[in-house]
Amino acid sequence: IGLKVNNSSMNFVEFIPKKGHVIMLFKIPQTNERDELIDESTLEQMKYDSSWKYYRIRIGTALTDTESEIVKSLVQQAYREYTGLDHAPGV
């Protein structure tokens, strides 16, 4: 499942629904800073997909506030990387 913004497909973040969890894919290059951010959190990171340049994180039933902030940050970084814009449309 991908995202659509202003009637255009924008797959900077994708979702793979599974029974009991969702895998989120963030289309951003791998960096030490991002690795540390995720590693130091309680998020369950899966192996980075270097061929498609995706961070993969398994999301369970609920996120803590800290986990939500990290996911939000990764979404924003992926959006900026994908579009080259610093803000979402209409913001």
Protein backbone atom coordinates (compact mmCIF):
# COMPACT_ATOMS: atom_id res chain seq x y z
CA ILE A 1 0.00 0.00 0.00
CA GLY A 2 1.46 3.34 -1.02
CA LEU A 3 0.50 6.97 -0.53
CA LYS A 4 -1.28 9.37 -2.82
CA VAL A 5 -0.79 13.14 -2.49
CA ASN A 6 -2.83 15.55 -4.64
CA ASN A 7 -3.95 12.64 -6.85
CA SER A 8 -0.35 11.56 -7.54
CA SER A 9 1.22 8.33 -6.31
CA MET A 10 4.04 9.16 -3.94
CA ASN A 11 5.56 5.96 -2.65
CA PHE A 12 8.16 7.47 -0.35
CA VAL A 13 6.52 5.35 2.37
CA GLU A 14 4.83 2.02 1.74
CA PHE A 15 2.88 -0.32 4.00
CA ILE A 16 2.81 -4.10 3.87
CA PRO A 17 -0.05 -5.38 6.05
CA LYS A 18 0.57 -8.70 7.76
CA LYS A 19 -1.43 -10.64 10.30
CA GLY A 20 -0.74 -8.92 13.64
CA HIS A 21 1.60 -6.20 12.32
CA VAL A 22 2.43 -3.86 9.46
CA ILE A 23 5.81 -3.46 7.80
CA MET A 24 6.58 0.16 6.93
CA LEU A 25 9.06 0.89 4.16
CA PHE A 26 10.79 4.28 4.14
CA LYS A 27 12.49 5.10 0.83
CA ILE A 28 15.59 6.90 2.11
CA PRO A 29 19.31 6.22 1.83
CA GLN A 30 20.95 4.40 4.71
CA THR A 31 23.00 6.63 7.02
CA ASN A 32 24.76 6.09 10.34
CA GLU A 33 22.52 8.76 11.91
CA ARG A 34 19.33 6.97 10.85
CA ASP A 35 20.73 3.59 11.88
CA GLU A 36 21.55 4.93 15.35
CA LEU A 37 18.15 6.61 15.70
CA ILE A 38 16.35 3.36 14.98
CA ASP A 39 18.81 1.12 16.86
CA GLU A 40 18.53 3.21 20.02
CA SER A 41 14.73 3.07 19.89
CA THR A 42 12.40 0.20 20.71
CA LEU A 43 11.25 -0.02 17.09
CA GLU A 44 11.81 -3.38 15.43
CA GLN A 45 14.06 -2.71 12.46
CA MET A 46 14.37 -5.28 9.73
CA LYS A 47 17.39 -5.55 7.44
CA TYR A 48 17.91 -2.45 5.26
CA ASP A 49 17.00 -3.18 1.64
CA SER A 50 20.06 -1.82 -0.16
CA SER A 51 18.83 -2.74 -3.65
CA TRP A 52 15.62 -0.65 -3.32
CA LYS A 53 17.01 1.75 -0.65
CA TYR A 54 14.32 1.11 1.95
CA TYR A 55 14.43 1.12 5.71
CA ARG A 56 12.01 -1.54 6.89
CA ILE A 57 10.35 -1.39 10.30
CA ARG A 58 7.83 -3.81 11.77
CA ILE A 59 4.97 -1.96 13.51
CA GLY A 60 2.89 -3.86 16.07
CA THR A 61 -0.47 -2.92 17.49
CA ALA A 62 0.54 0.35 19.15
CA LEU A 63 3.46 2.77 19.17
CA THR A 64 4.81 4.64 22.16
CA ASP A 65 5.01 8.42 21.89
CA THR A 66 8.76 8.16 21.28
CA GLU A 67 8.30 5.54 18.56
CA SER A 68 5.60 7.70 16.93
CA GLU A 69 7.99 10.66 16.82
CA ILE A 70 10.71 8.55 15.20
CA VAL A 71 8.30 7.16 12.60
CA LYS A 72 7.04 10.69 11.89
CA SER A 73 10.63 11.88 11.45
CA LEU A 74 11.40 9.03 9.04
CA VAL A 75 8.25 9.82 7.02
CA GLN A 76 9.29 13.48 6.81
CA GLN A 77 12.83 12.55 5.76
CA ALA A 78 11.49 10.17 3.10
CA TYR A 79 9.12 12.86 1.82
CA ARG A 80 11.96 15.40 1.57
CA GLU A 81 14.21 12.87 -0.17
CA TYR A 82 11.46 11.88 -2.63
CA THR A 83 10.20 15.37 -3.49
CA GLY A 84 13.05 17.71 -2.65
CA LEU A 85 10.52 19.83 -0.70
CA ASP A 86 10.85 20.79 2.97
CA HIS A 87 7.12 20.70 3.72
CA ALA A 88 4.04 18.72 2.79
CA PRO A 89 1.54 20.16 0.28
CA GLY A 90 -0.74 22.78 1.79
CA VAL A 91 1.54 23.33 4.81
